[in-house]
Amino acid sequence: QVRLVESGGGLVQPGGSLRLSCTASGRIFSIDVMGWYRQAPGKQRELVAAMPSRGRTNYADAVKGRFTISRDNAKNAVSLQMNSLKPEDTAVYYCNAAGIKSSPTMYIGDSWGQGTQVTVSS
């Protein structure tokens, strides 16, 4: 079983910055994609940013130019630097690991973190 642990959420004023971090632990050989999703009250969970092990990083239009995702494959970790935060960024942010393998031939599946609250308010 793979566990994802997030940190870094909190309360910030509009225009401020926060950095979210997530580390995956367990029997991990590789992770295809690591990313961040968010869910605001009354809304569906949506992709914020995702970084594959190979290929182009994907950002939601709403966060392009403000958020930056980074990944440390050796540590099975992913971070999200959020700048110029807006009230509409308020949500629970979830870390996601997709395409997890425990060995070169053993596919486990996907895993989610427990979520961390980000509140942007004055």
C-alpha atoms as a PDB file:
ATOM      1  CA  GLN A   1       0.000   0.000   0.000  1.00  0.00           C
ATOM      2  CA  VAL A   2       1.209   3.477  -0.896  1.00  0.00           C
ATOM      3  CA  ARG A   3       0.533   6.371   1.420  1.00  0.00           C
ATOM      4  CA  LEU A   4       0.624  10.062   0.477  1.00  0.00           C
ATOM      5  CA  VAL A   5       1.178  12.676   3.168  1.00  0.00           C
ATOM      6  CA  GLU A   6       0.575  16.355   2.411  1.00  0.00           C
ATOM      7  CA  SER A   7       1.648  19.470   4.256  1.00  0.00           C
ATOM      8  CA  GLY A   8       1.709  23.224   3.814  1.00  0.00           C
ATOM      9  CA  GLY A   9      -1.898  24.333   3.714  1.00  0.00           C
ATOM     10  CA  GLY A  10      -3.246  27.223   5.728  1.00  0.00           C
ATOM     11  CA  LEU A  11      -4.775  30.673   5.707  1.00  0.00           C
ATOM     12  CA  VAL A  12      -3.290  33.376   3.506  1.00  0.00           C
ATOM     13  CA  GLN A  13      -4.354  36.811   2.349  1.00  0.00           C
ATOM     14  CA  PRO A  14      -5.171  37.498  -1.298  1.00  0.00           C
ATOM     15  CA  GLY A  15      -1.974  38.021  -3.250  1.00  0.00           C
ATOM     16  CA  GLY A  16      -0.007  35.850  -0.857  1.00  0.00           C
ATOM     17  CA  SER A  17       1.862  32.606  -1.403  1.00  0.00           C
ATOM     18  CA  LEU A  18       1.800  29.080  -0.048  1.00  0.00           C
ATOM     19  CA  ARG A  19       3.779  25.967  -0.806  1.00  0.00           C
ATOM     20  CA  LEU A  20       2.232  22.515  -0.607  1.00  0.00           C
ATOM     21  CA  SER A  21       4.356  19.399  -0.307  1.00  0.00           C
ATOM     22  CA  CYS A  22       3.518  15.724  -0.648  1.00  0.00           C
ATOM     23  CA  THR A  23       5.606  12.605  -0.139  1.00  0.00           C
ATOM     24  CA  ALA A  24       4.666   9.080  -1.126  1.00  0.00           C
ATOM     25  CA  SER A  25       5.810   6.176   1.014  1.00  0.00           C
ATOM     26  CA  GLY A  26       5.553   2.421   0.724  1.00  0.00           C
ATOM     27  CA  ARG A  27       6.801  -0.112  -1.740  1.00  0.00           C
ATOM     28  CA  ILE A  28       7.368   2.101  -4.763  1.00  0.00           C
ATOM     29  CA  PHE A  29       9.383   1.335  -7.866  1.00  0.00           C
ATOM     30  CA  SER A  30       8.008   4.177  -9.963  1.00  0.00           C
ATOM     31  CA  ILE A  31       5.152   6.637 -10.215  1.00  0.00           C
ATOM     32  CA  ASP A  32       3.903   7.683 -13.624  1.00  0.00           C
ATOM     33  CA  VAL A  33       2.209  10.960 -12.742  1.00  0.00           C
ATOM     34  CA  MET A  34       2.194  13.045  -9.574  1.00  0.00           C
ATOM     35  CA  GLY A  35      -0.118  15.967  -9.230  1.00  0.00           C
ATOM     36  CA  TRP A  36      -2.486  18.133  -7.277  1.00  0.00           C
ATOM     37  CA  TYR A  37      -6.258  18.380  -7.363  1.00  0.00           C
ATOM     38  CA  ARG A  38      -8.589  20.621  -5.422  1.00  0.00           C
ATOM     39  CA  GLN A  39     -12.184  20.584  -4.309  1.00  0.00           C
ATOM     40  CA  ALA A  40     -14.068  23.665  -3.224  1.00  0.00           C
ATOM     41  CA  PRO A  41     -17.328  23.415  -1.239  1.00  0.00           C
ATOM     42  CA  GLY A  42     -20.184  22.378  -3.488  1.00  0.00           C
ATOM     43  CA  LYS A  43     -17.916  21.744  -6.458  1.00  0.00           C
ATOM     44  CA  GLN A  44     -16.357  18.712  -8.080  1.00  0.00           C
ATOM     45  CA  ARG A  45     -12.733  17.836  -7.568  1.00  0.00           C
ATOM     46  CA  GLU A  46     -10.637  19.348 -10.334  1.00  0.00           C
ATOM     47  CA  LEU A  47      -7.095  19.029 -11.606  1.00  0.00           C
ATOM     48  CA  VAL A  48      -4.740  21.832 -10.581  1.00  0.00           C
ATOM     49  CA  ALA A  49      -1.427  20.581 -11.960  1.00  0.00           C
ATOM     50  CA  ALA A  50       0.101  17.260 -12.908  1.00  0.00           C
ATOM     51  CA  MET A  51       3.646  16.271 -13.735  1.00  0.00           C
ATOM     52  CA  PRO A  52       4.381  12.989 -15.511  1.00  0.00           C
ATOM     53  CA  SER A  53       7.716  11.254 -15.142  1.00  0.00           C
ATOM     54  CA  ARG A  54       8.155  11.989 -18.827  1.00  0.00           C
ATOM     55  CA  GLY A  55       6.329  14.543 -20.873  1.00  0.00           C
ATOM     56  CA  ARG A  56       4.808  17.924 -20.442  1.00  0.00           C
ATOM     57  CA  THR A  57       3.425  19.313 -17.211  1.00  0.00           C
ATOM     58  CA  ASN A  58      -0.268  20.119 -17.263  1.00  0.00           C
ATOM     59  CA  TYR A  59      -1.860  23.095 -15.488  1.00  0.00           C
ATOM     60  CA  ALA A  60      -5.455  24.165 -15.104  1.00  0.00           C
ATOM     61  CA  ASP A  61      -6.100  27.397 -16.992  1.00  0.00           C
ATOM     62  CA  ALA A  62      -7.135  29.099 -13.745  1.00  0.00           C
ATOM     63  CA  VAL A  63      -3.678  28.662 -12.204  1.00  0.00           C
ATOM     64  CA  LYS A  64      -1.350  29.071 -15.181  1.00  0.00           C
ATOM     65  CA  GLY A  65       1.319  31.660 -14.492  1.00  0.00           C
ATOM     66  CA  ARG A  66       0.637  31.615 -10.745  1.00  0.00           C
ATOM     67  CA  PHE A  67       1.241  28.017  -9.631  1.00  0.00           C
ATOM     68  CA  THR A  68       4.316  25.901 -10.262  1.00  0.00           C
ATOM     69  CA  ILE A  69       4.538  22.171  -9.733  1.00  0.00           C
ATOM     70  CA  SER A  70       7.828  20.419  -9.096  1.00  0.00           C
ATOM     71  CA  ARG A  71       8.752  16.815  -8.523  1.00  0.00           C
ATOM     72  CA  ASP A  72      11.607  14.891  -6.912  1.00  0.00           C
ATOM     73  CA  ASN A  73      11.487  11.378  -8.337  1.00  0.00           C
ATOM     74  CA  ALA A  74      14.222  10.086  -6.034  1.00  0.00           C
ATOM     75  CA  LYS A  75      12.119  11.048  -2.998  1.00  0.00           C
ATOM     76  CA  ASN A  76       8.722  10.276  -4.550  1.00  0.00           C
ATOM     77  CA  ALA A  77       7.737  13.811  -3.682  1.00  0.00           C
ATOM     78  CA  VAL A  78       5.804  16.577  -5.376  1.00  0.00           C
ATOM     79  CA  SER A  79       5.349  20.222  -4.446  1.00  0.00           C
ATOM     80  CA  LEU A  80       3.066  23.019  -5.530  1.00  0.00           C
ATOM     81  CA  GLN A  81       4.220  26.622  -5.230  1.00  0.00           C
ATOM     82  CA  MET A  82       1.181  28.872  -5.236  1.00  0.00           C
ATOM     83  CA  ASN A  83       1.689  32.592  -5.804  1.00  0.00           C
ATOM     84  CA  SER A  84      -0.717  35.477  -6.273  1.00  0.00           C
ATOM     85  CA  LEU A  85      -3.409  33.525  -4.494  1.00  0.00           C
ATOM     86  CA  LYS A  86      -7.034  34.518  -4.989  1.00  0.00           C
ATOM     87  CA  PRO A  87     -10.126  33.844  -2.872  1.00  0.00           C
ATOM     88  CA  GLU A  88     -11.340  31.479  -5.584  1.00  0.00           C
ATOM     89  CA  ASP A  89      -8.303  29.276  -4.917  1.00  0.00           C
ATOM     90  CA  THR A  90      -9.846  28.375  -1.562  1.00  0.00           C
ATOM     91  CA  ALA A  91     -10.323  24.604  -1.480  1.00  0.00           C
ATOM     92  CA  VAL A  92      -9.074  21.355  -0.061  1.00  0.00           C
ATOM     93  CA  TYR A  93      -6.012  20.367  -2.055  1.00  0.00           C
ATOM     94  CA  TYR A  94      -5.285  16.698  -2.662  1.00  0.00           C
ATOM     95  CA  CYS A  95      -2.056  15.091  -3.738  1.00  0.00           C
ATOM     96  CA  ASN A  96      -2.371  12.293  -6.284  1.00  0.00           C
ATOM     97  CA  ALA A  97      -0.003   9.606  -7.481  1.00  0.00           C
ATOM     98  CA  ALA A  98      -1.079   7.741 -10.593  1.00  0.00           C
ATOM     99  CA  GLY A  99       0.378   4.716 -12.320  1.00  0.00           C
ATOM    100  CA  ILE A 100       2.253   3.388  -9.301  1.00  0.00           C
ATOM    101  CA  LYS A 101       4.447   0.329  -9.716  1.00  0.00           C
ATOM    102  CA  SER A 102       5.949  -1.648  -6.843  1.00  0.00           C
ATOM    103  CA  SER A 103       8.324  -3.439  -9.250  1.00  0.00           C
ATOM    104  CA  PRO A 104       9.080  -3.192 -12.980  1.00  0.00           C
ATOM    105  CA  THR A 105       6.215  -5.578 -13.687  1.00  0.00           C
ATOM    106  CA  MET A 106       3.815  -5.017 -10.769  1.00  0.00           C
ATOM    107  CA  TYR A 107       1.245  -2.250 -11.243  1.00  0.00           C
ATOM    108  CA  ILE A 108      -0.477  -1.079  -8.035  1.00  0.00           C
ATOM    109  CA  GLY A 109      -2.737   1.695  -9.258  1.00  0.00           C
ATOM    110  CA  ASP A 110      -3.358   5.176  -7.894  1.00  0.00           C
ATOM    111  CA  SER A 111      -3.283   6.766  -4.459  1.00  0.00           C
ATOM    112  CA  TRP A 112      -4.645   9.963  -2.882  1.00  0.00           C
ATOM    113  CA  GLY A 113      -3.538  12.048   0.052  1.00  0.00           C
ATOM    114  CA  GLN A 114      -5.900  13.010   2.842  1.00  0.00           C
ATOM    115  CA  GLY A 115      -6.155  16.617   1.676  1.00  0.00           C
ATOM    116  CA  THR A 116      -4.952  19.925   3.064  1.00  0.00           C
ATOM    117  CA  GLN A 117      -7.076  23.050   3.433  1.00  0.00           C
ATOM    118  CA  VAL A 118      -6.051  26.243   1.649  1.00  0.00           C
ATOM    119  CA  THR A 119      -8.039  29.347   2.542  1.00  0.00           C
ATOM    120  CA  VAL A 120      -7.455  32.669   0.809  1.00  0.00           C
ATOM    121  CA  SER A 121      -9.171  35.462   2.665  1.00  0.00           C
ATOM    122  CA  SER A 122      -8.551  38.926   4.035  1.00  0.00           C
END
